[in-house]
Amino acid sequence: MPGPDDDHAGASSGDEADGYALMVQGEELLIEGVARLGSAWVVAAVTGLADAWGKLDPAARAAAIAAASVAGERAATRVGAELRSLFGLDPAAQRATPLEIIRSLRREATEVLRSSGVPEVVRDPFETRAFPDDVYGIVLKSPAELGDDELGGALLAWGLGKAKVLRSRAVGGDGPRRGSA
């Protein structure tokens, strides 16, 4: 007759597998979303701030948008690679979140804005403390801000899956380990 520990260990393994399934589902959607929308987000961030400032002549504005297009492609490629790298690690070894990585799309947008002469914006004190390098106030609060509401749910699925994997391990699960050979 199986004891309570046997039932608990079996549930943990299943929980870990379920957690991995949630993580993978979220990972795939986030990578695809960045590939599909990351570049356009950089262009929109640059265009929005340049237009709000309103002091770029038409040629400088066109040059900024062209630079943002190139920078956006570079940013989407970089962020996609960083996400794949994160997701290739075992959940216990992941020291960043997908949102942290996706938020870094602002780097390329910031470079274009700065090189175009657009001045930094005055930000809320909390935002200044929380995101000191976001001098233009463009940091994404959610991956859904890329332009697809499902990306917010994908981040949530990934986070719930990771929590389920780690919790399962903490109670004695011995399921598969990602990134270990």
N, C-alpha and C. Protein backbone atom coordinates (compact mmCIF):
# COMPACT_ATOMS: atom_id res chain seq x y z
N MET A 1 0.84 -1.18 0.00
CA MET A 1 0.00 0.00 0.00
C MET A 1 0.89 1.24 0.00
N PRO A 2 0.67 2.17 -0.96
CA PRO A 2 1.50 3.37 -1.02
C PRO A 2 1.20 4.28 0.17
N GLY A 3 2.26 4.92 0.64
CA GLY A 3 2.12 5.86 1.75
C GLY A 3 1.90 7.27 1.24
N PRO A 4 1.65 8.19 2.17
CA PRO A 4 1.40 9.58 1.77
C PRO A 4 2.58 10.20 1.05
N ASP A 5 3.80 9.81 1.42
CA ASP A 5 4.97 10.36 0.76
C ASP A 5 5.03 9.92 -0.70
N ASP A 6 4.61 8.68 -0.98
CA ASP A 6 4.62 8.19 -2.36
C ASP A 6 3.66 9.00 -3.23
N ASP A 7 2.47 9.26 -2.72
CA ASP A 7 1.49 10.04 -3.48
C ASP A 7 2.01 11.45 -3.71
N HIS A 8 2.61 12.04 -2.70
CA HIS A 8 3.11 13.41 -2.80
C HIS A 8 4.25 13.49 -3.83
N ALA A 9 5.14 12.52 -3.82
CA ALA A 9 6.25 12.52 -4.78
C ALA A 9 5.73 12.39 -6.20
N GLY A 10 4.74 11.56 -6.41
CA GLY A 10 4.16 11.39 -7.75
C GLY A 10 3.51 12.67 -8.22
N ALA A 11 2.80 13.34 -7.31
CA ALA A 11 2.15 14.59 -7.68
C ALA A 11 3.20 15.64 -8.01
N SER A 12 4.33 15.62 -7.30
CA SER A 12 5.37 16.61 -7.56
C SER A 12 5.93 16.45 -8.95
N SER A 13 6.20 15.22 -9.36
CA SER A 13 6.73 15.00 -10.71
C SER A 13 5.75 15.49 -11.76
N GLY A 14 4.46 15.19 -11.55
CA GLY A 14 3.45 15.67 -12.48
C GLY A 14 3.36 17.18 -12.47
N ASP A 15 3.47 17.78 -11.27
CA ASP A 15 3.44 19.23 -11.16
C ASP A 15 4.61 19.86 -11.91
N GLU A 16 5.78 19.22 -11.80
CA GLU A 16 6.95 19.77 -12.49
C GLU A 16 6.75 19.70 -14.00
N ALA A 17 6.24 18.59 -14.49
CA ALA A 17 5.98 18.45 -15.92
C ALA A 17 4.93 19.46 -16.38
N ASP A 18 3.88 19.65 -15.56
CA ASP A 18 2.86 20.66 -15.88
C ASP A 18 3.46 22.06 -15.90
N GLY A 19 4.35 22.31 -14.94
CA GLY A 19 5.02 23.61 -14.89
C GLY A 19 5.85 23.86 -16.13
N TYR A 20 6.60 22.83 -16.53
CA TYR A 20 7.40 22.98 -17.76
C TYR A 20 6.50 23.26 -18.96
N ALA A 21 5.36 22.59 -19.03
CA ALA A 21 4.45 22.80 -20.16
C ALA A 21 3.97 24.25 -20.20
N LEU A 22 3.64 24.82 -19.04
CA LEU A 22 3.23 26.22 -18.99
C LEU A 22 4.38 27.14 -19.40
N MET A 23 5.57 26.84 -18.90
CA MET A 23 6.73 27.67 -19.25
C MET A 23 6.95 27.67 -20.75
N VAL A 24 6.96 26.50 -21.35
CA VAL A 24 7.21 26.39 -22.80
C VAL A 24 6.16 27.15 -23.59
N GLN A 25 4.91 27.02 -23.17
CA GLN A 25 3.84 27.73 -23.86
C GLN A 25 4.10 29.24 -23.81
N GLY A 26 4.43 29.76 -22.63
CA GLY A 26 4.72 31.19 -22.50
C GLY A 26 5.95 31.60 -23.27
N GLU A 27 7.00 30.78 -23.20
CA GLU A 27 8.26 31.09 -23.88
C GLU A 27 8.06 31.25 -25.38
N GLU A 28 7.36 30.31 -25.97
CA GLU A 28 7.16 30.34 -27.43
C GLU A 28 6.41 31.61 -27.85
N LEU A 29 5.36 31.95 -27.09
CA LEU A 29 4.59 33.16 -27.43
C LEU A 29 5.42 34.43 -27.25
N LEU A 30 6.22 34.48 -26.20
CA LEU A 30 7.03 35.68 -25.96
C LEU A 30 8.10 35.85 -27.03
N ILE A 31 8.78 34.78 -27.39
CA ILE A 31 9.80 34.87 -28.45
C ILE A 31 9.17 35.29 -29.77
N GLU A 32 8.06 34.68 -30.10
CA GLU A 32 7.37 35.00 -31.35
C GLU A 32 6.87 36.45 -31.32
N GLY A 33 6.35 36.88 -30.18
CA GLY A 33 5.84 38.24 -30.06
C GLY A 33 6.92 39.29 -30.23
N VAL A 34 8.08 39.06 -29.63
CA VAL A 34 9.20 39.99 -29.78
C VAL A 34 9.66 40.02 -31.24
N ALA A 35 9.75 38.86 -31.87
CA ALA A 35 10.17 38.81 -33.28
C ALA A 35 9.18 39.56 -34.17
N ARG A 36 7.91 39.45 -33.86
CA ARG A 36 6.87 40.05 -34.69
C ARG A 36 6.67 41.53 -34.40
N LEU A 37 6.83 41.95 -33.14
CA LEU A 37 6.42 43.29 -32.74
C LEU A 37 7.53 44.18 -32.17
N GLY A 38 8.67 43.60 -31.83
CA GLY A 38 9.73 44.37 -31.17
C GLY A 38 10.24 45.53 -31.99
N SER A 39 10.49 45.30 -33.26
CA SER A 39 11.01 46.37 -34.12
C SER A 39 10.01 47.51 -34.25
N ALA A 40 8.76 47.18 -34.46
CA ALA A 40 7.73 48.21 -34.60
C ALA A 40 7.58 49.01 -33.30
N TRP A 41 7.76 48.34 -32.15
CA TRP A 41 7.67 49.06 -30.87
C TRP A 41 8.78 50.12 -30.78
N VAL A 42 10.00 49.76 -31.18
CA VAL A 42 11.11 50.72 -31.14
C VAL A 42 10.79 51.91 -32.05
N VAL A 43 10.31 51.65 -33.25
CA VAL A 43 9.96 52.72 -34.18
C VAL A 43 8.86 53.61 -33.59
N ALA A 44 7.84 52.99 -32.99
CA ALA A 44 6.74 53.76 -32.40
C ALA A 44 7.22 54.60 -31.22
N ALA A 45 8.10 54.04 -30.39
CA ALA A 45 8.62 54.79 -29.24
C ALA A 45 9.40 56.02 -29.72
N VAL A 46 10.24 55.84 -30.72
CA VAL A 46 11.03 56.95 -31.25
C VAL A 46 10.12 57.98 -31.91
N THR A 47 9.22 57.52 -32.75
CA THR A 47 8.32 58.43 -33.46
C THR A 47 7.46 59.21 -32.48
N GLY A 48 6.91 58.53 -31.49
CA GLY A 48 6.04 59.19 -30.52
C GLY A 48 6.75 60.30 -29.75
N LEU A 49 7.96 60.02 -29.29
CA LEU A 49 8.69 61.05 -28.54
C LEU A 49 9.21 62.16 -29.44
N ALA A 50 9.69 61.80 -30.61
CA ALA A 50 10.16 62.83 -31.54
C ALA A 50 9.02 63.77 -31.91
N ASP A 51 7.85 63.21 -32.18
CA ASP A 51 6.70 64.03 -32.54
C ASP A 51 6.19 64.86 -31.35
N ALA A 52 6.22 64.26 -30.16
CA ALA A 52 5.78 65.00 -28.97
C ALA A 52 6.70 66.19 -28.71
N TRP A 53 7.99 66.01 -28.94
CA TRP A 53 8.94 67.10 -28.76
C TRP A 53 8.70 68.16 -29.82
N GLY A 54 8.50 67.72 -31.05
CA GLY A 54 8.11 68.61 -32.13
C GLY A 54 9.16 69.55 -32.68
N LYS A 55 10.42 69.32 -32.37
CA LYS A 55 11.45 70.26 -32.82
C LYS A 55 12.41 69.67 -33.84
N LEU A 56 12.11 68.48 -34.34
CA LEU A 56 12.93 67.92 -35.42
C LEU A 56 12.36 68.42 -36.74
N ASP A 57 13.23 68.91 -37.61
CA ASP A 57 12.74 69.30 -38.94
C ASP A 57 12.38 68.02 -39.69
N PRO A 58 11.66 68.12 -40.78
CA PRO A 58 11.20 66.92 -41.49
C PRO A 58 12.33 65.96 -41.88
N ALA A 59 13.46 66.48 -42.28
CA ALA A 59 14.57 65.60 -42.68
C ALA A 59 15.14 64.88 -41.45
N ALA A 60 15.29 65.59 -40.34
CA ALA A 60 15.82 64.96 -39.12
C ALA A 60 14.83 63.93 -38.57
N ARG A 61 13.53 64.25 -38.67
CA ARG A 61 12.50 63.30 -38.23
C ARG A 61 12.57 62.03 -39.08
N ALA A 62 12.65 62.19 -40.39
CA ALA A 62 12.73 61.02 -41.28
C ALA A 62 13.98 60.21 -40.99
N ALA A 63 15.10 60.89 -40.72
CA ALA A 63 16.34 60.18 -40.40
C ALA A 63 16.21 59.42 -39.08
N ALA A 64 15.54 60.02 -38.10
CA ALA A 64 15.35 59.34 -36.81
C ALA A 64 14.48 58.10 -36.98
N ILE A 65 13.44 58.20 -37.78
CA ILE A 65 12.56 57.05 -37.98
C ILE A 65 13.28 55.95 -38.76
N ALA A 66 14.08 56.34 -39.75
CA ALA A 66 14.87 55.34 -40.49
C ALA A 66 15.87 54.66 -39.56
N ALA A 67 16.52 55.44 -38.70
CA ALA A 67 17.47 54.86 -37.74
C ALA A 67 16.74 53.95 -36.76
N ALA A 68 15.53 54.34 -36.36
CA ALA A 68 14.74 53.53 -35.44
C ALA A 68 14.35 52.19 -36.07
N SER A 69 14.09 52.21 -37.36
CA SER A 69 13.75 50.97 -38.06
C SER A 69 14.91 49.98 -38.03
N VAL A 70 16.09 50.47 -38.31
CA VAL A 70 17.29 49.62 -38.27
C VAL A 70 17.56 49.17 -36.83
N ALA A 71 17.48 50.11 -35.90
CA ALA A 71 17.72 49.80 -34.49
C ALA A 71 16.67 48.82 -33.97
N GLY A 72 15.45 48.97 -34.42
CA GLY A 72 14.37 48.08 -33.99
C GLY A 72 14.62 46.64 -34.41
N GLU A 73 15.07 46.45 -35.64
CA GLU A 73 15.40 45.09 -36.10
C GLU A 73 16.52 44.51 -35.25
N ARG A 74 17.54 45.32 -34.99
CA ARG A 74 18.66 44.88 -34.16
C ARG A 74 18.18 44.54 -32.75
N ALA A 75 17.31 45.37 -32.20
CA ALA A 75 16.79 45.16 -30.85
C ALA A 75 15.97 43.88 -30.77
N ALA A 76 15.09 43.66 -31.74
CA ALA A 76 14.25 42.46 -31.73
C ALA A 76 15.11 41.20 -31.83
N THR A 77 16.15 41.25 -32.65
CA THR A 77 17.06 40.11 -32.78
C THR A 77 17.80 39.87 -31.47
N ARG A 78 18.32 40.94 -30.87
CA ARG A 78 19.06 40.81 -29.61
C ARG A 78 18.17 40.27 -28.50
N VAL A 79 17.00 40.86 -28.34
CA VAL A 79 16.10 40.44 -27.27
C VAL A 79 15.63 39.00 -27.48
N GLY A 80 15.35 38.63 -28.72
CA GLY A 80 14.97 37.24 -29.00
C GLY A 80 16.06 36.27 -28.60
N ALA A 81 17.31 36.61 -28.92
CA ALA A 81 18.44 35.75 -28.56
C ALA A 81 18.60 35.67 -27.04
N GLU A 82 18.43 36.81 -26.36
CA GLU A 82 18.54 36.81 -24.89
C GLU A 82 17.43 36.00 -24.25
N LEU A 83 16.22 36.07 -24.82
CA LEU A 83 15.13 35.25 -24.30
C LEU A 83 15.42 33.77 -24.49
N ARG A 84 15.88 33.39 -25.68
CA ARG A 84 16.20 31.98 -25.94
C ARG A 84 17.30 31.50 -24.98
N SER A 85 18.25 32.35 -24.71
CA SER A 85 19.33 32.00 -23.79
C SER A 85 18.77 31.78 -22.37
N LEU A 86 17.92 32.69 -21.93
CA LEU A 86 17.29 32.55 -20.61
C LEU A 86 16.48 31.27 -20.54
N PHE A 87 15.66 31.04 -21.55
CA PHE A 87 14.77 29.89 -21.54
C PHE A 87 15.53 28.57 -21.68
N GLY A 88 16.76 28.61 -22.16
CA GLY A 88 17.57 27.41 -22.26
C GLY A 88 18.16 26.97 -20.94
N LEU A 89 18.09 27.84 -19.92
CA LEU A 89 18.61 27.51 -18.61
C LEU A 89 17.58 26.74 -17.79
N ASP A 90 18.06 25.98 -16.84
CA ASP A 90 17.18 25.35 -15.88
C ASP A 90 16.46 26.47 -15.12
N PRO A 91 15.18 26.31 -14.79
CA PRO A 91 14.45 27.37 -14.09
C PRO A 91 15.15 27.87 -12.82
N ALA A 92 15.79 27.01 -12.08
CA ALA A 92 16.48 27.43 -10.86
C ALA A 92 17.69 28.31 -11.16
N ALA A 93 18.21 28.25 -12.36
CA ALA A 93 19.39 29.02 -12.74
C ALA A 93 19.03 30.34 -13.42
N GLN A 94 17.76 30.58 -13.69
CA GLN A 94 17.34 31.79 -14.37
C GLN A 94 17.37 32.96 -13.40
N ARG A 95 18.22 33.92 -13.66
CA ARG A 95 18.41 35.06 -12.76
C ARG A 95 17.75 36.33 -13.28
N ALA A 96 17.04 36.23 -14.36
CA ALA A 96 16.30 37.36 -14.92
C ALA A 96 14.90 36.86 -15.27
N THR A 97 14.04 37.79 -15.59
CA THR A 97 12.70 37.42 -16.06
C THR A 97 12.58 37.81 -17.53
N PRO A 98 11.66 37.19 -18.24
CA PRO A 98 11.45 37.61 -19.63
C PRO A 98 11.09 39.09 -19.74
N LEU A 99 10.33 39.61 -18.78
CA LEU A 99 9.96 41.03 -18.84
C LEU A 99 11.18 41.92 -18.73
N GLU A 100 12.12 41.58 -17.87
CA GLU A 100 13.35 42.37 -17.77
C GLU A 100 14.05 42.44 -19.13
N ILE A 101 14.11 41.31 -19.79
CA ILE A 101 14.78 41.25 -21.09
C ILE A 101 13.99 42.02 -22.14
N ILE A 102 12.69 41.83 -22.18
CA ILE A 102 11.86 42.53 -23.17
C ILE A 102 11.92 44.04 -22.95
N ARG A 103 11.96 44.45 -21.70
CA ARG A 103 12.07 45.89 -21.40
C ARG A 103 13.33 46.51 -21.98
N SER A 104 14.34 45.70 -22.21
CA SER A 104 15.60 46.25 -22.73
C SER A 104 15.48 46.71 -24.17
N LEU A 105 14.36 46.51 -24.83
CA LEU A 105 14.13 47.09 -26.16
C LEU A 105 14.33 48.60 -26.12
N ARG A 106 14.15 49.18 -24.94
CA ARG A 106 14.30 50.63 -24.82
C ARG A 106 15.72 51.09 -25.10
N ARG A 107 16.70 50.21 -24.97
CA ARG A 107 18.10 50.62 -25.21
C ARG A 107 18.28 51.21 -26.59
N GLU A 108 17.84 50.45 -27.59
CA GLU A 108 18.02 50.91 -28.96
C GLU A 108 17.18 52.15 -29.25
N ALA A 109 15.97 52.20 -28.72
CA ALA A 109 15.13 53.39 -28.91
C ALA A 109 15.80 54.61 -28.26
N THR A 110 16.37 54.41 -27.08
CA THR A 110 17.05 55.49 -26.37
C THR A 110 18.25 55.99 -27.17
N GLU A 111 19.01 55.08 -27.75
CA GLU A 111 20.17 55.47 -28.57
C GLU A 111 19.74 56.36 -29.72
N VAL A 112 18.67 55.97 -30.40
CA VAL A 112 18.20 56.75 -31.55
C VAL A 112 17.70 58.12 -31.09
N LEU A 113 16.91 58.17 -30.04
CA LEU A 113 16.40 59.44 -29.53
C LEU A 113 17.54 60.36 -29.12
N ARG A 114 18.49 59.81 -28.40
CA ARG A 114 19.64 60.61 -27.93
C ARG A 114 20.43 61.15 -29.13
N SER A 115 20.72 60.28 -30.10
CA SER A 115 21.51 60.72 -31.26
C SER A 115 20.74 61.69 -32.15
N SER A 116 19.43 61.69 -32.03
CA SER A 116 18.61 62.64 -32.81
C SER A 116 18.46 63.98 -32.11
N GLY A 117 18.98 64.07 -30.89
CA GLY A 117 18.91 65.33 -30.16
C GLY A 117 17.65 65.53 -29.35
N VAL A 118 16.83 64.50 -29.23
CA VAL A 118 15.61 64.63 -28.43
C VAL A 118 16.01 64.66 -26.95
N PRO A 119 15.58 65.68 -26.21
CA PRO A 119 15.98 65.78 -24.81
C PRO A 119 15.28 64.72 -23.94
N GLU A 120 15.94 64.38 -22.84
CA GLU A 120 15.36 63.45 -21.88
C GLU A 120 14.09 64.08 -21.30
N VAL A 121 13.18 63.23 -20.83
CA VAL A 121 11.92 63.72 -20.29
C VAL A 121 11.98 63.77 -18.77
N VAL A 122 11.12 64.58 -18.19
CA VAL A 122 10.97 64.62 -16.74
C VAL A 122 10.06 63.46 -16.38
N ARG A 123 10.55 62.64 -15.43
CA ARG A 123 9.79 61.44 -15.06
C ARG A 123 9.37 61.50 -13.60
N ASP A 124 8.39 60.69 -13.31
CA ASP A 124 7.91 60.50 -11.94
C ASP A 124 9.06 59.99 -11.06
N PRO A 125 9.15 60.42 -9.81
CA PRO A 125 10.25 59.96 -8.95
C PRO A 125 10.33 58.44 -8.81
N PHE A 126 9.19 57.76 -8.76
CA PHE A 126 9.23 56.30 -8.67
C PHE A 126 9.85 55.71 -9.93
N GLU A 127 9.41 56.20 -11.09
CA GLU A 127 9.94 55.70 -12.36
C GLU A 127 11.44 55.95 -12.45
N THR A 128 11.87 57.10 -11.98
CA THR A 128 13.29 57.44 -12.01
C THR A 128 14.10 56.46 -11.15
N ARG A 129 13.58 56.12 -9.97
CA ARG A 129 14.27 55.15 -9.11
C ARG A 129 14.19 53.74 -9.67
N ALA A 130 13.03 53.36 -10.16
CA ALA A 130 12.82 51.98 -10.62
C ALA A 130 13.56 51.69 -11.92
N PHE A 131 13.63 52.69 -12.81
CA PHE A 131 14.24 52.50 -14.12
C PHE A 131 15.18 53.68 -14.42
N PRO A 132 16.31 53.73 -13.73
CA PRO A 132 17.19 54.90 -13.87
C PRO A 132 17.72 55.10 -15.29
N ASP A 133 17.83 54.04 -16.08
CA ASP A 133 18.35 54.20 -17.43
C ASP A 133 17.26 54.49 -18.47
N ASP A 134 16.02 54.59 -18.04
CA ASP A 134 14.91 54.86 -18.94
C ASP A 134 14.65 56.37 -18.99
N VAL A 135 15.59 57.11 -19.53
CA VAL A 135 15.55 58.57 -19.49
C VAL A 135 14.45 59.18 -20.35
N TYR A 136 13.80 58.37 -21.17
CA TYR A 136 12.71 58.86 -22.01
C TYR A 136 11.34 58.35 -21.55
N GLY A 137 11.29 57.60 -20.46
CA GLY A 137 10.02 57.13 -19.92
C GLY A 137 9.29 56.18 -20.85
N ILE A 138 10.03 55.30 -21.51
CA ILE A 138 9.41 54.40 -22.50
C ILE A 138 9.40 52.94 -22.08
N VAL A 139 9.84 52.64 -20.87
CA VAL A 139 9.93 51.25 -20.44
C VAL A 139 8.56 50.58 -20.52
N LEU A 140 8.56 49.37 -21.00
CA LEU A 140 7.33 48.58 -21.09
C LEU A 140 6.93 48.12 -19.69
N LYS A 141 5.67 48.27 -19.35
CA LYS A 141 5.17 47.75 -18.08
C LYS A 141 4.76 46.29 -18.20
N SER A 142 4.45 45.89 -19.41
CA SER A 142 4.01 44.53 -19.70
C SER A 142 4.38 44.22 -21.14
N PRO A 143 4.64 42.94 -21.45
CA PRO A 143 4.90 42.59 -22.85
C PRO A 143 3.69 42.87 -23.75
N ALA A 144 2.51 42.96 -23.17
CA ALA A 144 1.31 43.28 -23.96
C ALA A 144 1.43 44.65 -24.62
N GLU A 145 2.25 45.53 -24.05
CA GLU A 145 2.44 46.87 -24.62
C GLU A 145 3.18 46.83 -25.95
N LEU A 146 3.69 45.67 -26.32
CA LEU A 146 4.28 45.54 -27.65
C LEU A 146 3.18 45.60 -28.72
N GLY A 147 1.94 45.33 -28.31
CA GLY A 147 0.84 45.41 -29.26
C GLY A 147 0.03 44.13 -29.37
N ASP A 148 0.19 43.21 -28.43
CA ASP A 148 -0.57 41.95 -28.45
C ASP A 148 -0.90 41.59 -27.01
N ASP A 149 -2.17 41.70 -26.65
CA ASP A 149 -2.61 41.43 -25.28
C ASP A 149 -2.27 40.02 -24.81
N GLU A 150 -2.17 39.07 -25.72
CA GLU A 150 -1.85 37.69 -25.33
C GLU A 150 -0.45 37.57 -24.73
N LEU A 151 0.43 38.52 -25.00
CA LEU A 151 1.79 38.43 -24.46
C LEU A 151 1.81 38.63 -22.95
N GLY A 152 0.86 39.38 -22.41
CA GLY A 152 0.75 39.50 -20.96
C GLY A 152 0.40 38.16 -20.34
N GLY A 153 -0.52 37.45 -20.96
CA GLY A 153 -0.89 36.11 -20.49
C GLY A 153 0.24 35.12 -20.65
N ALA A 154 1.04 35.29 -21.70
CA ALA A 154 2.19 34.40 -21.91
C ALA A 154 3.21 34.58 -20.81
N LEU A 155 3.44 35.82 -20.39
CA LEU A 155 4.37 36.07 -19.29
C LEU A 155 3.82 35.46 -18.00
N LEU A 156 2.54 35.60 -17.77
CA LEU A 156 1.91 35.01 -16.59
C LEU A 156 2.03 33.49 -16.61
N ALA A 157 1.78 32.88 -17.76
CA ALA A 157 1.90 31.42 -17.88
C ALA A 157 3.32 30.98 -17.57
N TRP A 158 4.30 31.70 -18.13
CA TRP A 158 5.69 31.35 -17.86
C TRP A 158 5.99 31.44 -16.36
N GLY A 159 5.56 32.52 -15.73
CA GLY A 159 5.83 32.71 -14.30
C GLY A 159 5.16 31.66 -13.44
N LEU A 160 3.91 31.33 -13.76
CA LEU A 160 3.21 30.29 -13.01
C LEU A 160 3.89 28.94 -13.22
N GLY A 161 4.29 28.68 -14.45
CA GLY A 161 4.98 27.43 -14.73
C GLY A 161 6.29 27.32 -13.98
N LYS A 162 7.07 28.39 -13.97
CA LYS A 162 8.34 28.37 -13.25
C LYS A 162 8.10 28.14 -11.76
N ALA A 163 7.12 28.82 -11.20
CA ALA A 163 6.81 28.64 -9.78
C ALA A 163 6.40 27.19 -9.50
N LYS A 164 5.64 26.62 -10.39
CA LYS A 164 5.19 25.23 -10.22
C LYS A 164 6.38 24.27 -10.28
N VAL A 165 7.30 24.49 -11.20
CA VAL A 165 8.50 23.65 -11.30
C VAL A 165 9.32 23.76 -10.02
N LEU A 166 9.59 24.96 -9.59
CA LEU A 166 10.44 25.15 -8.41
C LEU A 166 9.77 24.64 -7.14
N ARG A 167 8.47 24.86 -7.02
CA ARG A 167 7.73 24.34 -5.86
C ARG A 167 7.74 22.82 -5.85
N SER A 168 7.55 22.23 -7.01
CA SER A 168 7.56 20.77 -7.12
C SER A 168 8.90 20.21 -6.67
N ARG A 169 9.96 20.85 -7.08
CA ARG A 169 11.29 20.39 -6.68
C ARG A 169 11.51 20.54 -5.18
N ALA A 170 10.98 21.61 -4.63
CA ALA A 170 11.17 21.86 -3.21
C ALA A 170 10.49 20.81 -2.34
N VAL A 171 9.43 20.20 -2.87
CA VAL A 171 8.73 19.16 -2.10
C VAL A 171 9.15 17.76 -2.52
N GLY A 172 10.22 17.68 -3.31
CA GLY A 172 10.78 16.37 -3.60
C GLY A 172 10.54 15.81 -4.98
N GLY A 173 10.07 16.60 -5.90
CA GLY A 173 9.88 16.11 -7.26
C GLY A 173 11.22 15.81 -7.91
N ASP A 174 11.24 14.82 -8.75
CA ASP A 174 12.49 14.47 -9.42
C ASP A 174 12.29 14.38 -10.92
N GLY A 175 11.49 15.29 -11.45
CA GLY A 175 11.18 15.27 -12.87
C GLY A 175 12.35 15.76 -13.70
N PRO A 176 12.11 15.97 -14.98
CA PRO A 176 13.17 16.36 -15.90
C PRO A 176 13.77 17.71 -15.52
N ARG A 177 15.01 17.87 -15.84
CA ARG A 177 15.72 19.12 -15.58
C ARG A 177 16.14 19.71 -16.93
N ARG A 178 15.78 20.93 -17.15
CA ARG A 178 16.16 21.59 -18.38
C ARG A 178 17.59 22.09 -18.25
N GLY A 179 18.33 22.04 -19.33
CA GLY A 179 19.67 22.58 -19.36
C GLY A 179 20.70 21.71 -18.67
N SER A 180 20.32 20.52 -18.27
CA SER A 180 21.31 19.62 -17.66
C SER A 180 21.49 18.40 -18.55
N ALA A 181 22.73 17.99 -18.71
CA ALA A 181 23.01 16.88 -19.61
C ALA A 181 23.46 15.67 -18.83
